[in-house]
Amino acid sequence: MTYAAKVLDLAHRVAQSQAEPVHRAAGLLVASIRAGGVVNAFGSGHSEAIAMEIAGRAGGLVPSNRLTPRDLVLYGGQPPSVLTPELERDPAVARQIYDLAPVAPEDVFVLVSSSGVNGTVVELARIVTERGHPLIAITSVEHSTRMTSRHPSGGKLLDLADVVLDNGAPYGDAILDLPGGGGYGAVSTITSALLAQMVVTEAVDELIALGDTPPIYLSVNVTGGDEHNKALESRYAGRIRRGK
């Protein structure tokens, strides 16, 4: 079976199996937005691509922030040299990222990590839940359950979330087998992006059903997009970060 065929089959299975948790996750977004909250999305490494699907995306929600280890440099005044590949394993980074963000009690968090075991994402999950924010995790249940946590508590992202969305990625992420062992063809980014968009679009549908006008970004590459977006962003002045 080709890569495309396998990915499409997996995407279909993920969409079906995760329909109920997607519905619960969408409800958390709706409750937060109606209370004046913002959706805060975090991912490091390739998972940052999924946070980008949630925050600041054309067709997506205006009340959204993307949190990233780069915030230590962009907003925290630290030198770029701190941004090493190993940084995502440091639990101390999570507190700094959270404290640098314009977070309010009404906010909801979406944390993305296919392994769900690195120190930063687990500690951020701990902080988020301790502060009383609803937490949605996008992770690979198969991969995470086969891993040992890198957090001192021994906990994992899926242990802490109110809703767990399983991206269905296999252990190691690769979906095609090499003849001599191992694999190739990563899949978690595709299925995680699918889940992220399923949650956002269902939340928008629910807001419409409730009689609300969802605060949705237009593409800046369509006529009137800039004006539309700036008007909506002004409602959340000081609550969302754009331009960096």
Protein backbone atom coordinates (compact mmCIF):
# COMPACT_ATOMS: atom_id res chain seq x y z
CA MET A 1 0.00 0.00 0.00
CA THR A 2 1.31 3.45 -0.90
CA TYR A 3 1.96 6.19 1.64
CA ALA A 4 -1.05 8.19 0.47
CA ALA A 5 -3.35 5.17 0.73
CA LYS A 6 -2.15 4.38 4.24
CA VAL A 7 -2.47 7.97 5.39
CA LEU A 8 -5.98 8.30 3.98
CA ASP A 9 -7.02 5.05 5.65
CA LEU A 10 -5.58 6.17 8.98
CA ALA A 11 -7.17 9.62 8.67
CA HIS A 12 -10.55 7.98 8.11
CA ARG A 13 -10.11 5.77 11.17
CA VAL A 14 -8.97 8.68 13.32
CA ALA A 15 -11.90 10.83 12.22
CA GLN A 16 -14.34 8.07 13.15
CA SER A 17 -12.77 6.92 16.40
CA GLN A 18 -12.16 10.42 17.74
CA ALA A 19 -15.57 11.92 16.95
CA GLU A 20 -16.74 11.79 20.57
CA PRO A 21 -13.60 13.32 22.17
CA VAL A 22 -13.55 15.92 19.39
CA HIS A 23 -17.09 16.87 20.39
CA ARG A 24 -16.06 17.24 24.03
CA ALA A 25 -12.98 19.27 23.06
CA ALA A 26 -15.07 21.58 20.88
CA GLY A 27 -17.38 22.16 23.85
CA LEU A 28 -14.43 23.31 25.93
CA LEU A 29 -13.45 25.81 23.22
CA VAL A 30 -17.00 27.12 22.96
CA ALA A 31 -17.31 27.61 26.72
CA SER A 32 -14.00 29.46 26.83
CA ILE A 33 -14.74 31.74 23.88
CA ARG A 34 -18.23 32.61 25.14
CA ALA A 35 -16.67 33.56 28.49
CA GLY A 36 -14.20 35.88 26.77
CA GLY A 37 -11.34 33.40 26.83
CA VAL A 38 -8.61 32.60 24.35
CA VAL A 39 -7.40 29.27 22.94
CA ASN A 40 -3.72 28.79 23.78
CA ALA A 41 -1.97 26.19 21.63
CA PHE A 42 1.49 24.79 22.29
CA GLY A 43 3.72 22.39 20.44
CA SER A 44 7.47 22.08 20.04
CA GLY A 45 9.41 20.48 17.22
CA HIS A 46 7.08 19.28 14.47
CA SER A 47 4.14 19.63 16.84
CA GLU A 48 4.47 23.39 16.50
CA ALA A 49 2.88 22.98 13.07
CA ILE A 50 -0.31 21.84 14.78
CA ALA A 51 -0.32 24.85 17.10
CA MET A 52 -0.09 26.95 13.92
CA GLU A 53 -3.22 25.21 12.64
CA ILE A 54 -5.08 26.39 15.74
CA ALA A 55 -3.73 29.89 16.32
CA GLY A 56 -3.69 32.73 13.81
CA ARG A 57 -4.93 30.58 10.92
CA ALA A 58 -7.14 31.71 8.04
CA GLY A 59 -10.53 30.12 8.60
CA GLY A 60 -9.71 29.70 12.28
CA LEU A 61 -10.46 31.46 15.54
CA VAL A 62 -9.21 34.99 16.21
CA PRO A 63 -9.08 34.52 20.01
CA SER A 64 -6.05 32.25 19.87
CA ASN A 65 -2.38 32.29 20.84
CA ARG A 66 0.50 30.08 19.79
CA LEU A 67 2.93 29.38 22.61
CA THR A 68 6.42 28.20 21.70
CA PRO A 69 9.89 27.83 23.22
CA ARG A 70 10.86 30.82 21.03
CA ASP A 71 8.80 32.95 23.42
CA LEU A 72 11.81 32.84 25.75
CA VAL A 73 13.68 34.90 23.15
CA LEU A 74 10.83 36.93 21.63
CA TYR A 75 9.21 37.97 24.89
CA GLY A 76 11.58 36.87 27.64
CA GLY A 77 14.78 38.56 26.53
CA GLN A 78 16.85 35.37 26.49
CA PRO A 79 19.56 34.85 23.84
CA PRO A 80 18.77 32.73 20.76
CA SER A 81 21.43 30.27 21.92
CA VAL A 82 18.92 28.84 24.46
CA LEU A 83 16.89 27.34 21.60
CA THR A 84 18.56 23.95 21.42
CA PRO A 85 16.88 20.69 20.31
CA GLU A 86 17.08 19.48 23.91
CA LEU A 87 15.16 22.47 25.29
CA GLU A 88 11.79 20.72 25.01
CA ARG A 89 12.96 18.20 27.60
CA ASP A 90 13.50 20.83 30.31
CA PRO A 91 10.51 21.15 32.69
CA ALA A 92 11.65 24.59 33.86
CA VAL A 93 10.94 26.02 30.42
CA ALA A 94 7.21 25.46 30.87
CA ARG A 95 6.83 27.89 33.75
CA GLN A 96 8.63 30.58 31.79
CA ILE A 97 6.45 30.06 28.71
CA TYR A 98 3.26 30.17 30.77
CA ASP A 99 4.32 33.27 32.70
CA LEU A 100 5.25 35.12 29.50
CA ALA A 101 1.85 34.49 27.91
CA PRO A 102 -1.14 36.84 28.34
CA VAL A 103 -3.18 34.12 30.01
CA ALA A 104 -6.57 34.71 31.67
CA PRO A 105 -8.59 32.33 33.89
CA GLU A 106 -11.15 31.80 31.11
CA ASP A 107 -8.56 30.45 28.66
CA VAL A 108 -8.45 26.91 27.33
CA PHE A 109 -5.25 25.10 26.31
CA VAL A 110 -4.45 22.69 23.50
CA LEU A 111 -1.10 20.96 24.00
CA VAL A 112 0.32 18.91 21.15
CA SER A 113 2.96 16.22 21.48
CA SER A 114 2.88 12.89 19.70
CA SER A 115 5.12 11.27 22.32
CA GLY A 116 3.64 13.27 25.20
CA VAL A 117 6.58 12.55 27.50
CA ASN A 118 9.02 15.46 27.22
CA GLY A 119 9.60 17.62 30.27
CA THR A 120 8.33 20.91 28.88
CA VAL A 121 4.95 19.72 27.60
CA VAL A 122 4.26 17.58 30.68
CA GLU A 123 5.16 20.40 33.05
CA LEU A 124 3.09 22.86 31.05
CA ALA A 125 0.17 20.44 31.31
CA ARG A 126 0.67 20.31 35.08
CA ILE A 127 0.71 24.11 35.34
CA VAL A 128 -2.37 24.47 33.13
CA THR A 129 -4.42 22.01 35.17
CA GLU A 130 -3.21 23.45 38.48
CA ARG A 131 -4.38 26.89 37.32
CA GLY A 132 -7.82 25.45 36.48
CA HIS A 133 -7.68 25.77 32.69
CA PRO A 134 -9.41 23.11 30.59
CA LEU A 135 -6.76 21.05 28.80
CA ILE A 136 -7.01 19.25 25.47
CA ALA A 137 -4.14 16.97 24.43
CA ILE A 138 -3.35 15.85 20.88
CA THR A 139 -1.00 12.89 21.12
CA SER A 140 -0.32 9.34 19.95
CA VAL A 141 -1.68 6.99 22.58
CA GLU A 142 0.26 4.05 21.14
CA HIS A 143 3.56 5.91 21.12
CA SER A 144 3.08 7.56 24.50
CA THR A 145 2.09 4.41 26.33
CA ARG A 146 5.25 2.68 25.09
CA MET A 147 7.50 5.49 26.31
CA THR A 148 8.93 6.31 29.71
CA SER A 149 8.18 9.84 30.85
CA ARG A 150 11.05 12.33 30.79
CA HIS A 151 9.34 14.41 33.47
CA PRO A 152 10.47 13.97 37.11
CA SER A 153 6.90 13.11 38.13
CA GLY A 154 6.76 10.18 35.75
CA GLY A 155 3.57 11.62 34.27
CA LYS A 156 2.66 12.05 30.64
CA LEU A 157 0.53 14.53 28.72
CA LEU A 158 -2.31 12.05 28.29
CA ASP A 159 -2.46 11.53 32.08
CA LEU A 160 -3.28 15.19 32.69
CA ALA A 161 -5.67 16.25 29.93
CA ASP A 162 -9.42 16.70 30.27
CA VAL A 163 -9.78 15.43 26.71
CA VAL A 164 -7.25 13.25 24.86
CA LEU A 165 -7.32 13.22 21.06
CA ASP A 166 -5.43 10.25 19.68
CA ASN A 167 -3.76 10.98 16.34
CA GLY A 168 -3.38 7.25 15.68
CA ALA A 169 0.30 7.49 14.80
CA PRO A 170 2.28 4.29 15.37
CA TYR A 171 5.23 4.03 17.73
CA GLY A 172 8.06 5.88 16.02
CA ASP A 173 5.60 7.80 13.79
CA ALA A 174 6.70 6.14 10.52
CA ILE A 175 3.90 4.34 8.68
CA LEU A 176 5.88 2.40 6.04
CA ASP A 177 8.27 -0.47 6.79
CA LEU A 178 11.89 -0.61 5.66
CA PRO A 179 13.07 -4.03 4.42
CA GLY A 180 15.79 -4.27 7.05
CA GLY A 181 13.68 -2.98 9.92
CA GLY A 182 12.59 0.47 10.96
CA GLY A 183 10.24 2.70 9.06
CA TYR A 184 9.74 5.81 6.97
CA GLY A 185 6.90 8.17 6.12
CA ALA A 186 5.82 10.14 9.20
CA VAL A 187 2.09 10.56 9.75
CA SER A 188 1.44 12.30 13.08
CA THR A 189 1.52 15.83 11.64
CA ILE A 190 -1.22 14.99 9.15
CA THR A 191 -3.60 13.29 11.55
CA SER A 192 -2.95 15.81 14.33
CA ALA A 193 -3.76 18.66 11.95
CA LEU A 194 -6.96 16.84 11.01
CA LEU A 195 -7.95 16.59 14.66
CA ALA A 196 -7.12 20.24 15.31
CA GLN A 197 -9.30 21.38 12.43
CA MET A 198 -12.10 19.02 13.45
CA VAL A 199 -12.15 20.58 16.92
CA VAL A 200 -12.08 24.16 15.65
CA THR A 201 -14.72 23.65 12.98
CA GLU A 202 -17.06 21.83 15.36
CA ALA A 203 -16.62 24.66 17.87
CA VAL A 204 -17.54 27.16 15.17
CA ASP A 205 -20.62 25.10 14.25
CA GLU A 206 -21.69 25.08 17.91
CA LEU A 207 -21.22 28.85 18.23
CA ILE A 208 -23.40 29.38 15.15
CA ALA A 209 -26.05 27.03 16.55
CA LEU A 210 -26.08 29.11 19.73
CA GLY A 211 -26.75 32.25 17.72
CA ASP A 212 -23.25 33.71 18.06
CA THR A 213 -21.16 35.17 15.27
CA PRO A 214 -17.86 33.26 15.45
CA PRO A 215 -14.72 35.45 15.42
CA ILE A 216 -13.07 33.90 12.36
CA TYR A 217 -9.99 35.00 10.44
CA LEU A 218 -10.21 35.68 6.75
CA SER A 219 -7.19 35.04 4.58
CA VAL A 220 -5.09 38.19 4.26
CA ASN A 221 -4.85 37.31 0.58
CA VAL A 222 -8.53 38.04 -0.13
CA THR A 223 -10.06 41.48 -0.57
CA GLY A 224 -10.94 43.01 2.78
CA GLY A 225 -9.11 40.33 4.75
CA ASP A 226 -6.75 42.69 6.55
CA GLU A 227 -9.52 45.07 7.59
CA HIS A 228 -11.78 42.25 8.76
CA ASN A 229 -9.05 40.64 10.82
CA LYS A 230 -7.80 43.84 12.44
CA ALA A 231 -11.33 44.75 13.52
CA LEU A 232 -11.76 41.37 15.22
CA GLU A 233 -8.29 41.43 16.76
CA SER A 234 -9.05 44.80 18.36
CA ARG A 235 -11.68 43.06 20.51
CA TYR A 236 -8.91 41.03 22.09
CA ALA A 237 -6.33 43.76 22.53
CA GLY A 238 -3.70 42.66 25.02
CA ARG A 239 -5.02 39.11 24.99
CA ILE A 240 -3.59 37.80 21.73
CA ARG A 241 -0.11 38.15 20.24
CA ARG A 242 0.51 38.61 16.54
CA GLY A 243 3.37 39.63 14.33
CA LYS A 244 6.30 37.67 15.82
